[in-house]
Amino acid sequence: AQLRYDGSGQPVPLAGKYFLEIRLNPAAAHNDAGESVYHGPK
């Protein structure tokens, strides 16, 4: 019904009436040092 950020639960500011959540597990967007390896849009 609505997109929310994981962890904080804050709403995601994307306009729309319908939403899909895409969840990958196990997966990470950071390396073992905690540095982001994700280079796409947030």
Full PDB file with SEQRES, HELIX, SHEET, SSBOND, CRYST1, ORIGX, SCALE, CONECT and MASTER records, all heavy atoms in Angstrom:
SEQRES   1 A   42  ALA GLN LEU ARG TYR ASP GLY SER GLY GLN PRO VAL PRO          
SEQRES   2 A   42  LEU ALA GLY LYS TYR PHE LEU GLU ILE ARG LEU ASN PRO          
SEQRES   3 A   42  ALA ALA ALA HIS ASN ASP ALA GLY GLU SER VAL TYR HIS          
SEQRES   4 A   42  GLY PRO LYS                                                  
CRYST1    1.000    1.000    1.000  90.00  90.00  90.00 P 1           1          
ORIGX1      1.000000  0.000000  0.000000        0.00000                         
ORIGX2      0.000000  1.000000  0.000000        0.00000                         
ORIGX3      0.000000  0.000000  1.000000        0.00000                         
SCALE1      1.000000  0.000000  0.000000        0.00000                         
SCALE2      0.000000  1.000000  0.000000        0.00000                         
SCALE3      0.000000  0.000000  1.000000        0.00000                         
ATOM      1  N   ALA A   1       0.823  -1.212   0.000  1.00  0.00           N  
ATOM      2  CA  ALA A   1       0.000   0.000   0.000  1.00  0.00           C  
ATOM      3  C   ALA A   1       0.855   1.259   0.000  1.00  0.00           C  
ATOM      4  O   ALA A   1       0.456   2.283  -0.555  1.00  0.00           O  
ATOM      5  CB  ALA A   1      -0.928   0.000   1.206  1.00  0.00           C  
ATOM      6  N   GLN A   2       2.037   1.183   0.624  1.00  0.00           N  
ATOM      7  CA  GLN A   2       2.924   2.341   0.715  1.00  0.00           C  
ATOM      8  C   GLN A   2       4.356   1.844   0.835  1.00  0.00           C  
ATOM      9  O   GLN A   2       4.603   0.808   1.443  1.00  0.00           O  
ATOM     10  CB  GLN A   2       2.566   3.188   1.937  1.00  0.00           C  
ATOM     11  CG  GLN A   2       3.387   4.448   2.063  1.00  0.00           C  
ATOM     12  CD  GLN A   2       2.982   5.278   3.279  1.00  0.00           C  
ATOM     13  OE1 GLN A   2       2.430   4.754   4.249  1.00  0.00           O  
ATOM     14  NE2 GLN A   2       3.261   6.556   3.227  1.00  0.00           N  
ATOM     15  N   LEU A   3       5.283   2.607   0.269  1.00  0.00           N  
ATOM     16  CA  LEU A   3       6.697   2.260   0.394  1.00  0.00           C  
ATOM     17  C   LEU A   3       7.263   2.916   1.643  1.00  0.00           C  
ATOM     18  O   LEU A   3       7.010   4.093   1.908  1.00  0.00           O  
ATOM     19  CB  LEU A   3       7.481   2.730  -0.835  1.00  0.00           C  
ATOM     20  CG  LEU A   3       7.090   2.092  -2.157  1.00  0.00           C  
ATOM     21  CD1 LEU A   3       7.844   2.754  -3.303  1.00  0.00           C  
ATOM     22  CD2 LEU A   3       7.366   0.599  -2.128  1.00  0.00           C  
ATOM     23  N   ARG A   4       8.057   2.154   2.409  1.00  0.00           N  
ATOM     24  CA  ARG A   4       8.712   2.674   3.615  1.00  0.00           C  
ATOM     25  C   ARG A   4      10.167   2.253   3.594  1.00  0.00           C  
ATOM     26  O   ARG A   4      10.515   1.191   3.108  1.00  0.00           O  
ATOM     27  CB  ARG A   4       8.036   2.144   4.867  1.00  0.00           C  
ATOM     28  CG  ARG A   4       6.606   2.621   4.989  1.00  0.00           C  
ATOM     29  CD  ARG A   4       6.078   2.404   6.397  1.00  0.00           C  
ATOM     30  NE  ARG A   4       4.800   3.056   6.567  1.00  0.00           N  
ATOM     31  CZ  ARG A   4       4.638   4.316   6.947  1.00  0.00           C  
ATOM     32  NH1 ARG A   4       5.682   5.056   7.205  1.00  0.00           N  
ATOM     33  NH2 ARG A   4       3.435   4.830   7.084  1.00  0.00           N  
ATOM     34  N   TYR A   5      11.017   3.108   4.168  1.00  0.00           N  
ATOM     35  CA  TYR A   5      12.432   2.774   4.300  1.00  0.00           C  
ATOM     36  C   TYR A   5      12.598   1.719   5.390  1.00  0.00           C  
ATOM     37  O   TYR A   5      11.992   1.835   6.467  1.00  0.00           O  
ATOM     38  CB  TYR A   5      13.256   4.012   4.644  1.00  0.00           C  
ATOM     39  CG  TYR A   5      13.438   4.945   3.482  1.00  0.00           C  
ATOM     40  CD1 TYR A   5      12.759   6.152   3.419  1.00  0.00           C  
ATOM     41  CD2 TYR A   5      14.298   4.621   2.431  1.00  0.00           C  
ATOM     42  CE1 TYR A   5      12.921   7.011   2.344  1.00  0.00           C  
ATOM     43  CE2 TYR A   5      14.467   5.478   1.351  1.00  0.00           C  
ATOM     44  CZ  TYR A   5      13.782   6.671   1.321  1.00  0.00           C  
ATOM     45  OH  TYR A   5      13.951   7.518   0.249  1.00  0.00           O  
ATOM     46  N   ASP A   6      13.416   0.689   5.112  1.00  0.00           N  
ATOM     47  CA  ASP A   6      13.718  -0.325   6.124  1.00  0.00           C  
ATOM     48  C   ASP A   6      14.440   0.345   7.289  1.00  0.00           C  
ATOM     49  O   ASP A   6      15.196   1.285   7.109  1.00  0.00           O  
ATOM     50  CB  ASP A   6      14.624  -1.417   5.542  1.00  0.00           C  
ATOM     51  CG  ASP A   6      13.927  -2.282   4.512  1.00  0.00           C  
ATOM     52  OD1 ASP A   6      12.703  -2.104   4.310  1.00  0.00           O  
ATOM     53  OD2 ASP A   6      14.591  -3.126   3.904  1.00  0.00           O  
ATOM     54  N   GLY A   7      14.241  -0.176   8.444  1.00  0.00           N  
ATOM     55  CA  GLY A   7      14.919   0.351   9.627  1.00  0.00           C  
ATOM     56  C   GLY A   7      14.158   1.511  10.240  1.00  0.00           C  
ATOM     57  O   GLY A   7      13.660   1.416  11.346  1.00  0.00           O  
ATOM     58  N   SER A   8      14.013   2.623   9.527  1.00  0.00           N  
ATOM     59  CA  SER A   8      13.366   3.809  10.096  1.00  0.00           C  
ATOM     60  C   SER A   8      11.847   3.751   9.994  1.00  0.00           C  
ATOM     61  O   SER A   8      11.146   4.352  10.797  1.00  0.00           O  
ATOM     62  CB  SER A   8      13.861   5.078   9.385  1.00  0.00           C  
ATOM     63  OG  SER A   8      13.318   5.172   8.078  1.00  0.00           O  
ATOM     64  N   GLY A   9      11.330   3.085   8.963  1.00  0.00           N  
ATOM     65  CA  GLY A   9       9.885   3.049   8.751  1.00  0.00           C  
ATOM     66  C   GLY A   9       9.335   4.320   8.137  1.00  0.00           C  
ATOM     67  O   GLY A   9       8.130   4.457   7.964  1.00  0.00           O  
ATOM     68  N   GLN A  10      10.196   5.262   7.787  1.00  0.00           N  
ATOM     69  CA  GLN A  10       9.757   6.521   7.183  1.00  0.00           C  
ATOM     70  C   GLN A  10       9.191   6.264   5.786  1.00  0.00           C  
ATOM     71  O   GLN A  10       9.691   5.415   5.053  1.00  0.00           O  
ATOM     72  CB  GLN A  10      10.932   7.499   7.079  1.00  0.00           C  
ATOM     73  CG  GLN A  10      11.465   7.963   8.427  1.00  0.00           C  
ATOM     74  CD  GLN A  10      10.428   8.783   9.173  1.00  0.00           C  
ATOM     75  OE1 GLN A  10       9.763   9.633   8.617  1.00  0.00           O  
ATOM     76  NE2 GLN A  10      10.288   8.489  10.463  1.00  0.00           N  
ATOM     77  N   PRO A  11       8.163   7.029   5.377  1.00  0.00           N  
ATOM     78  CA  PRO A  11       7.616   6.853   4.030  1.00  0.00           C  
ATOM     79  C   PRO A  11       8.624   7.288   2.965  1.00  0.00           C  
ATOM     80  O   PRO A  11       9.386   8.225   3.152  1.00  0.00           O  
ATOM     81  CB  PRO A  11       6.386   7.759   4.011  1.00  0.00           C  
ATOM     82  CG  PRO A  11       6.367   8.500   5.276  1.00  0.00           C  
ATOM     83  CD  PRO A  11       7.438   7.999   6.167  1.00  0.00           C  
ATOM     84  N   VAL A  12       8.604   6.587   1.835  1.00  0.00           N  
ATOM     85  CA  VAL A  12       9.468   6.912   0.695  1.00  0.00           C  
ATOM     86  C   VAL A  12       8.732   7.954  -0.149  1.00  0.00           C  
ATOM     87  O   VAL A  12       7.586   7.729  -0.535  1.00  0.00           O  
ATOM     88  CB  VAL A  12       9.765   5.651  -0.138  1.00  0.00           C  
ATOM     89  CG1 VAL A  12      10.572   5.995  -1.382  1.00  0.00           C  
ATOM     90  CG2 VAL A  12      10.491   4.618   0.714  1.00  0.00           C  
ATOM     91  N   PRO A  13       9.369   9.090  -0.447  1.00  0.00           N  
ATOM     92  CA  PRO A  13       8.674  10.160  -1.177  1.00  0.00           C  
ATOM     93  C   PRO A  13       8.608   9.933  -2.694  1.00  0.00           C  
ATOM     94  O   PRO A  13       9.168  10.695  -3.476  1.00  0.00           O  
ATOM     95  CB  PRO A  13       9.502  11.400  -0.830  1.00  0.00           C  
ATOM     96  CG  PRO A  13      10.876  10.887  -0.613  1.00  0.00           C  
ATOM     97  CD  PRO A  13      10.704   9.514  -0.013  1.00  0.00           C  
ATOM     98  N   LEU A  14       7.916   8.869  -3.102  1.00  0.00           N  
ATOM     99  CA  LEU A  14       7.666   8.614  -4.518  1.00  0.00           C  
ATOM    100  C   LEU A  14       6.169   8.752  -4.770  1.00  0.00           C  
ATOM    101  O   LEU A  14       5.366   8.144  -4.056  1.00  0.00           O  
ATOM    102  CB  LEU A  14       8.108   7.206  -4.921  1.00  0.00           C  
ATOM    103  CG  LEU A  14       9.569   6.969  -5.205  1.00  0.00           C  
ATOM    104  CD1 LEU A  14       9.814   5.505  -5.564  1.00  0.00           C  
ATOM    105  CD2 LEU A  14      10.090   7.869  -6.300  1.00  0.00           C  
ATOM    106  N   ALA A  15       5.814   9.548  -5.771  1.00  0.00           N  
ATOM    107  CA  ALA A  15       4.409   9.705  -6.114  1.00  0.00           C  
ATOM    108  C   ALA A  15       3.926   8.465  -6.840  1.00  0.00           C  
ATOM    109  O   ALA A  15       4.644   7.885  -7.647  1.00  0.00           O  
ATOM    110  CB  ALA A  15       4.233  10.934  -6.998  1.00  0.00           C  
ATOM    111  N   GLY A  16       2.718   8.059  -6.541  1.00  0.00           N  
ATOM    112  CA  GLY A  16       2.112   6.909  -7.198  1.00  0.00           C  
ATOM    113  C   GLY A  16       0.911   6.439  -6.416  1.00  0.00           C  
ATOM    114  O   GLY A  16       0.734   6.798  -5.249  1.00  0.00           O  
ATOM    115  N   LYS A  17       0.088   5.621  -7.068  1.00  0.00           N  
ATOM    116  CA  LYS A  17      -1.079   5.037  -6.404  1.00  0.00           C  
ATOM    117  C   LYS A  17      -0.857   3.568  -6.064  1.00  0.00           C  
ATOM    118  O   LYS A  17      -1.521   3.021  -5.202  1.00  0.00           O  
ATOM    119  CB  LYS A  17      -2.304   5.164  -7.310  1.00  0.00           C  
ATOM    120  CG  LYS A  17      -2.739   6.589  -7.557  1.00  0.00           C  
ATOM    121  CD  LYS A  17      -3.930   6.622  -8.492  1.00  0.00           C  
ATOM    122  CE  LYS A  17      -4.292   8.057  -8.821  1.00  0.00           C  
ATOM    123  NZ  LYS A  17      -5.313   8.146  -9.843  1.00  0.00           N  
ATOM    124  N   TYR A  18       0.091   2.939  -6.784  1.00  0.00           N  
ATOM    125  CA  TYR A  18       0.375   1.519  -6.607  1.00  0.00           C  
ATOM    126  C   TYR A  18       1.886   1.345  -6.456  1.00  0.00           C  
ATOM    127  O   TYR A  18       2.667   2.057  -7.089  1.00  0.00           O  
ATOM    128  CB  TYR A  18      -0.124   0.715  -7.807  1.00  0.00           C  
ATOM    129  CG  TYR A  18      -1.614   0.860  -8.017  1.00  0.00           C  
ATOM    130  CD1 TYR A  18      -2.117   1.846  -8.852  1.00  0.00           C  
ATOM    131  CD2 TYR A  18      -2.512   0.030  -7.362  1.00  0.00           C  
ATOM    132  CE1 TYR A  18      -3.485   2.001  -9.042  1.00  0.00           C  
ATOM    133  CE2 TYR A  18      -3.880   0.170  -7.543  1.00  0.00           C  
ATOM    134  CZ  TYR A  18      -4.359   1.161  -8.382  1.00  0.00           C  
ATOM    135  OH  TYR A  18      -5.708   1.304  -8.559  1.00  0.00           O  
ATOM    136  N   PHE A  19       2.269   0.368  -5.637  1.00  0.00           N  
ATOM    137  CA  PHE A  19       3.682   0.187  -5.346  1.00  0.00           C  
ATOM    138  C   PHE A  19       4.046  -1.296  -5.303  1.00  0.00           C  
ATOM    139  O   PHE A  19       3.237  -2.122  -4.890  1.00  0.00           O  
ATOM    140  CB  PHE A  19       4.032   0.828  -3.993  1.00  0.00           C  
ATOM    141  CG  PHE A  19       3.644   2.274  -3.911  1.00  0.00           C  
ATOM    142  CD1 PHE A  19       2.449   2.655  -3.322  1.00  0.00           C  
ATOM    143  CD2 PHE A  19       4.470   3.248  -4.435  1.00  0.00           C  
ATOM    144  CE1 PHE A  19       2.081   3.987  -3.247  1.00  0.00           C  
ATOM    145  CE2 PHE A  19       4.115   4.590  -4.371  1.00  0.00           C  
ATOM    146  CZ  PHE A  19       2.916   4.957  -3.780  1.00  0.00           C  
ATOM    147  N   LEU A  20       5.267  -1.592  -5.726  1.00  0.00           N  
ATOM    148  CA  LEU A  20       5.832  -2.927  -5.586  1.00  0.00           C  
ATOM    149  C   LEU A  20       7.069  -2.843  -4.711  1.00  0.00           C  
ATOM    150  O   LEU A  20       7.887  -1.930  -4.880  1.00  0.00           O  
ATOM    151  CB  LEU A  20       6.236  -3.504  -6.942  1.00  0.00           C  
ATOM    152  CG  LEU A  20       5.129  -3.851  -7.931  1.00  0.00           C  
ATOM    153  CD1 LEU A  20       5.738  -4.348  -9.242  1.00  0.00           C  
ATOM    154  CD2 LEU A  20       4.190  -4.898  -7.344  1.00  0.00           C  
ATOM    155  N   GLU A  21       7.198  -3.785  -3.788  1.00  0.00           N  
ATOM    156  CA  GLU A  21       8.402  -3.915  -2.986  1.00  0.00           C  
ATOM    157  C   GLU A  21       9.182  -5.105  -3.521  1.00  0.00           C  
ATOM    158  O   GLU A  21       8.634  -6.201  -3.657  1.00  0.00           O  
ATOM    159  CB  GLU A  21       8.046  -4.138  -1.520  1.00  0.00           C  
ATOM    160  CG  GLU A  21       9.258  -4.251  -0.634  1.00  0.00           C  
ATOM    161  CD  GLU A  21       8.880  -4.531   0.804  1.00  0.00           C  
ATOM    162  OE1 GLU A  21       8.536  -5.691   1.112  1.00  0.00           O  
ATOM    163  OE2 GLU A  21       8.920  -3.570   1.600  1.00  0.00           O  
ATOM    164  N   ILE A  22      10.467  -4.878  -3.830  1.00  0.00           N  
ATOM    165  CA  ILE A  22      11.348  -5.922  -4.359  1.00  0.00           C  
ATOM    166  C   ILE A  22      12.399  -6.186  -3.286  1.00  0.00           C  
ATOM    167  O   ILE A  22      13.171  -5.300  -2.947  1.00  0.00           O  
ATOM    168  CB  ILE A  22      12.013  -5.461  -5.675  1.00  0.00           C  
ATOM    169  CG1 ILE A  22      10.944  -5.046  -6.689  1.00  0.00           C  
ATOM    170  CG2 ILE A  22      12.920  -6.556  -6.223  1.00  0.00           C  
ATOM    171  CD1 ILE A  22      11.484  -4.226  -7.844  1.00  0.00           C  
ATOM    172  N   ARG A  23      12.401  -7.409  -2.735  1.00  0.00           N  
ATOM    173  CA  ARG A  23      13.259  -7.756  -1.595  1.00  0.00           C  
ATOM    174  C   ARG A  23      14.198  -8.894  -1.959  1.00  0.00           C  
ATOM    175  O   ARG A  23      13.749  -9.971  -2.331  1.00  0.00           O  
ATOM    176  CB  ARG A  23      12.369  -8.191  -0.446  1.00  0.00           C  
ATOM    177  CG  ARG A  23      12.600  -7.488   0.823  1.00  0.00           C  
ATOM    178  CD  ARG A  23      11.472  -7.841   1.790  1.00  0.00           C  
ATOM    179  NE  ARG A  23      11.985  -8.017   3.094  1.00  0.00           N  
ATOM    180  CZ  ARG A  23      12.338  -7.022   3.890  1.00  0.00           C  
ATOM    181  NH1 ARG A  23      12.213  -5.796   3.482  1.00  0.00           N  
ATOM    182  NH2 ARG A  23      12.813  -7.258   5.070  1.00  0.00           N  
ATOM    183  N   LEU A  24      15.500  -8.663  -1.819  1.00  0.00           N  
ATOM    184  CA  LEU A  24      16.516  -9.670  -2.116  1.00  0.00           C  
ATOM    185  C   LEU A  24      17.130 -10.154  -0.809  1.00  0.00           C  
ATOM    186  O   LEU A  24      17.488  -9.340   0.050  1.00  0.00           O  
ATOM    187  CB  LEU A  24      17.614  -9.066  -2.994  1.00  0.00           C  
ATOM    188  CG  LEU A  24      17.179  -8.552  -4.368  1.00  0.00           C  
ATOM    189  CD1 LEU A  24      16.765  -7.095  -4.300  1.00  0.00           C  
ATOM    190  CD2 LEU A  24      18.298  -8.723  -5.352  1.00  0.00           C  
ATOM    191  N   ASN A  25      17.264 -11.493  -0.663  1.00  0.00           N  
ATOM    192  CA  ASN A  25      17.833 -12.069   0.552  1.00  0.00           C  
ATOM    193  C   ASN A  25      18.409 -13.447   0.266  1.00  0.00           C  
ATOM    194  O   ASN A  25      17.747 -14.251  -0.366  1.00  0.00           O  
ATOM    195  CB  ASN A  25      16.756 -12.180   1.634  1.00  0.00           C  
ATOM    196  CG  ASN A  25      17.242 -12.913   2.843  1.00  0.00           C  
ATOM    197  OD1 ASN A  25      16.929 -14.074   3.025  1.00  0.00           O  
ATOM    198  ND2 ASN A  25      18.025 -12.255   3.661  1.00  0.00           N  
ATOM    199  N   PRO A  26      19.602 -13.755   0.722  1.00  0.00           N  
ATOM    200  CA  PRO A  26      20.542 -12.840   1.366  1.00  0.00           C  
ATOM    201  C   PRO A  26      21.180 -11.943   0.318  1.00  0.00           C  
ATOM    202  O   PRO A  26      21.467 -12.376  -0.800  1.00  0.00           O  
ATOM    203  CB  PRO A  26      21.578 -13.765   1.987  1.00  0.00           C  
ATOM    204  CG  PRO A  26      21.577 -14.975   1.103  1.00  0.00           C  
ATOM    205  CD  PRO A  26      20.150 -15.111   0.619  1.00  0.00           C  
ATOM    206  N   ALA A  27      21.392 -10.697   0.678  1.00  0.00           N  
ATOM    207  CA  ALA A  27      22.023  -9.737  -0.215  1.00  0.00           C  
ATOM    208  C   ALA A  27      22.534  -8.565   0.609  1.00  0.00           C  
ATOM    209  O   ALA A  27      22.081  -8.343   1.730  1.00  0.00           O  
ATOM    210  CB  ALA A  27      21.036  -9.243  -1.271  1.00  0.00           C  
ATOM    211  N   ALA A  28      23.479  -7.829   0.033  1.00  0.00           N  
ATOM    212  CA  ALA A  28      24.015  -6.626   0.676  1.00  0.00           C  
ATOM    213  C   ALA A  28      24.373  -5.625  -0.406  1.00  0.00           C  
ATOM    214  O   ALA A  28      24.702  -6.008  -1.531  1.00  0.00           O  
ATOM    215  CB  ALA A  28      25.243  -6.954   1.519  1.00  0.00           C  
ATOM    216  N   ALA A  29      24.298  -4.353  -0.062  1.00  0.00           N  
ATOM    217  CA  ALA A  29      24.724  -3.290  -0.970  1.00  0.00           C  
ATOM    218  C   ALA A  29      25.968  -2.613  -0.401  1.00  0.00           C  
ATOM    219  O   ALA A  29      26.278  -1.482  -0.740  1.00  0.00           O  
ATOM    220  CB  ALA A  29      23.598  -2.289  -1.184  1.00  0.00           C  
ATOM    221  N   HIS A  30      26.649  -3.327   0.485  1.00  0.00           N  
ATOM    222  CA  HIS A  30      27.881  -2.827   1.096  1.00  0.00           C  
ATOM    223  C   HIS A  30      28.853  -3.994   1.247  1.00  0.00           C  
ATOM    224  O   HIS A  30      28.448  -5.145   1.286  1.00  0.00           O  
ATOM    225  CB  HIS A  30      27.593  -2.193   2.457  1.00  0.00           C  
ATOM    226  CG  HIS A  30      27.002  -3.169   3.433  1.00  0.00           C  
ATOM    227  ND1 HIS A  30      25.663  -3.494   3.456  1.00  0.00           N  
ATOM    228  CD2 HIS A  30      27.581  -3.918   4.397  1.00  0.00           C  
ATOM    229  CE1 HIS A  30      25.444  -4.393   4.403  1.00  0.00           C  
ATOM    230  NE2 HIS A  30      26.589  -4.671   4.994  1.00  0.00           N  
ATOM    231  N   ASN A  31      30.153  -3.664   1.354  1.00  0.00           N  
ATOM    232  CA  ASN A  31      31.156  -4.709   1.540  1.00  0.00           C  
ATOM    233  C   ASN A  31      31.359  -4.984   3.028  1.00  0.00           C  
ATOM    234  O   ASN A  31      30.682  -4.386   3.883  1.00  0.00           O  
ATOM    235  CB  ASN A  31      32.469  -4.336   0.831  1.00  0.00           C  
ATOM    236  CG  ASN A  31      33.074  -3.048   1.354  1.00  0.00           C  
ATOM    237  OD1 ASN A  31      32.802  -2.607   2.477  1.00  0.00           O  
ATOM    238  ND2 ASN A  31      33.908  -2.426   0.542  1.00  0.00           N  
ATOM    239  N   ASP A  32      32.287  -5.870   3.355  1.00  0.00           N  
ATOM    240  CA  ASP A  32      32.521  -6.235   4.754  1.00  0.00           C  
ATOM    241  C   ASP A  32      33.024  -5.064   5.595  1.00  0.00           C  
ATOM    242  O   ASP A  32      32.871  -5.060   6.813  1.00  0.00           O  
ATOM    243  CB  ASP A  32      33.508  -7.404   4.844  1.00  0.00           C  
ATOM    244  CG  ASP A  32      32.875  -8.709   4.384  1.00  0.00           C  
ATOM    245  OD1 ASP A  32      31.631  -8.809   4.403  1.00  0.00           O  
ATOM    246  OD2 ASP A  32      33.625  -9.627   4.009  1.00  0.00           O  
ATOM    247  N   ALA A  33      33.609  -4.041   4.957  1.00  0.00           N  
ATOM    248  CA  ALA A  33      34.079  -2.854   5.675  1.00  0.00           C  
ATOM    249  C   ALA A  33      32.956  -1.834   5.872  1.00  0.00           C  
ATOM    250  O   ALA A  33      33.173  -0.782   6.469  1.00  0.00           O  
ATOM    251  CB  ALA A  33      35.244  -2.208   4.922  1.00  0.00           C  
ATOM    252  N   GLY A  34      31.758  -2.135   5.364  1.00  0.00           N  
ATOM    253  CA  GLY A  34      30.627  -1.234   5.520  1.00  0.00           C  
ATOM    254  C   GLY A  34      30.530  -0.166   4.444  1.00  0.00           C  
ATOM    255  O   GLY A  34      29.660   0.697   4.507  1.00  0.00           O  
ATOM    256  N   GLU A  35      31.400  -0.232   3.439  1.00  0.00           N  
ATOM    257  CA  GLU A  35      31.385   0.755   2.360  1.00  0.00           C  
ATOM    258  C   GLU A  35      30.381   0.332   1.294  1.00  0.00           C  
ATOM    259  O   GLU A  35      30.310  -0.828   0.918  1.00  0.00           O  
ATOM    260  CB  GLU A  35      32.779   0.862   1.735  1.00  0.00           C  
ATOM    261  CG  GLU A  35      33.843   1.271   2.723  1.00  0.00           C  
ATOM    262  CD  GLU A  35      35.250   0.921   2.234  1.00  0.00           C  
ATOM    263  OE1 GLU A  35      35.416  -0.020   1.426  1.00  0.00           O  
ATOM    264  OE2 GLU A  35      36.184   1.599   2.688  1.00  0.00           O  
ATOM    265  N   SER A  36      29.629   1.305   0.782  1.00  0.00           N  
ATOM    266  CA  SER A  36      28.620   1.027  -0.237  1.00  0.00           C  
ATOM    267  C   SER A  36      29.261   0.528  -1.526  1.00  0.00           C  
ATOM    268  O   SER A  36      30.254   1.074  -1.988  1.00  0.00           O  
ATOM    269  CB  SER A  36      27.808   2.281  -0.529  1.00  0.00           C  
ATOM    270  OG  SER A  36      26.840   1.995  -1.518  1.00  0.00           O  
ATOM    271  N   VAL A  37      28.696  -0.524  -2.099  1.00  0.00           N  
ATOM    272  CA  VAL A  37      29.107  -1.020  -3.414  1.00  0.00           C  
ATOM    273  C   VAL A  37      27.998  -0.749  -4.438  1.00  0.00           C  
ATOM    274  O   VAL A  37      28.162  -1.051  -5.612  1.00  0.00           O  
ATOM    275  CB  VAL A  37      29.448  -2.529  -3.395  1.00  0.00           C  
ATOM    276  CG1 VAL A  37      30.640  -2.805  -2.498  1.00  0.00           C  
ATOM    277  CG2 VAL A  37      28.249  -3.362  -2.982  1.00  0.00           C  
ATOM    278  N   TYR A  38      26.906  -0.165  -3.971  1.00  0.00           N  
ATOM    279  CA  TYR A  38      25.769   0.139  -4.830  1.00  0.00           C  
ATOM    280  C   TYR A  38      26.005   1.486  -5.517  1.00  0.00           C  
ATOM    281  O   TYR A  38      26.246   2.494  -4.851  1.00  0.00           O  
ATOM    282  CB  TYR A  38      24.485   0.184  -3.999  1.00  0.00           C  
ATOM    283  CG  TYR A  38      23.271   0.567  -4.794  1.00  0.00           C  
ATOM    284  CD1 TYR A  38      22.685  -0.328  -5.679  1.00  0.00           C  
ATOM    285  CD2 TYR A  38      22.704   1.829  -4.665  1.00  0.00           C  
ATOM    286  CE1 TYR A  38      21.573   0.017  -6.407  1.00  0.00           C  
ATOM    287  CE2 TYR A  38      21.586   2.181  -5.391  1.00  0.00           C  
ATOM    288  CZ  TYR A  38      21.033   1.277  -6.266  1.00  0.00           C  
ATOM    289  OH  TYR A  38      19.928   1.620  -6.998  1.00  0.00           O  
ATOM    290  N   HIS A  39      25.946   1.500  -6.857  1.00  0.00           N  
ATOM    291  CA  HIS A  39      26.227   2.716  -7.621  1.00  0.00           C  
ATOM    292  C   HIS A  39      24.994   3.241  -8.357  1.00  0.00           C  
ATOM    293  O   HIS A  39      25.120   4.138  -9.185  1.00  0.00           O  
ATOM    294  CB  HIS A  39      27.361   2.448  -8.621  1.00  0.00           C  
ATOM    295  CG  HIS A  39      28.613   1.988  -7.953  1.00  0.00           C  
ATOM    296  ND1 HIS A  39      29.364   2.788  -7.125  1.00  0.00           N  
ATOM    297  CD2 HIS A  39      29.226   0.786  -7.958  1.00  0.00           C  
ATOM    298  CE1 HIS A  39      30.386   2.104  -6.663  1.00  0.00           C  
ATOM    299  NE2 HIS A  39      30.321   0.876  -7.148  1.00  0.00           N  
ATOM    300  N   GLY A  40      23.841   2.704  -8.065  1.00  0.00           N  
ATOM    301  CA  GLY A  40      22.619   3.131  -8.737  1.00  0.00           C  
ATOM    302  C   GLY A  40      21.921   4.241  -7.982  1.00  0.00           C  
ATOM    303  O   GLY A  40      22.418   4.749  -6.978  1.00  0.00           O  
ATOM    304  N   PRO A  41      20.739   4.607  -8.468  1.00  0.00           N  
ATOM    305  CA  PRO A  41      19.983   5.690  -7.827  1.00  0.00           C  
ATOM    306  C   PRO A  41      19.400   5.250  -6.486  1.00  0.00           C  
ATOM    307  O   PRO A  41      19.009   4.101  -6.323  1.00  0.00           O  
ATOM    308  CB  PRO A  41      18.877   5.982  -8.829  1.00  0.00           C  
ATOM    309  CG  PRO A  41      18.682   4.683  -9.544  1.00  0.00           C  
ATOM    310  CD  PRO A  41      20.046   4.047  -9.615  1.00  0.00           C  
ATOM    311  N   LYS A  42      19.351   6.182  -5.556  1.00  0.00           N  
ATOM    312  CA  LYS A  42      18.708   5.912  -4.254  1.00  0.00           C  
ATOM    313  C   LYS A  42      17.224   6.269  -4.311  1.00  0.00           C  
ATOM    314  O   LYS A  42      16.411   5.629  -3.682  1.00  0.00           O  
ATOM    315  CB  LYS A  42      19.383   6.725  -3.148  1.00  0.00           C  
ATOM    316  CG  LYS A  42      20.850   6.442  -2.981  1.00  0.00           C  
ATOM    317  CD  LYS A  42      21.088   5.207  -2.188  1.00  0.00           C  
ATOM    318  CE  LYS A  42      22.585   5.058  -2.014  1.00  0.00           C  
ATOM    319  NZ  LYS A  42      22.974   4.154  -1.031  1.00  0.00           N  
TER     320      LYS A  42                                                      
MASTER        0    0    0    0    0    0    0    6  319    1    0    4          
END                                                                             
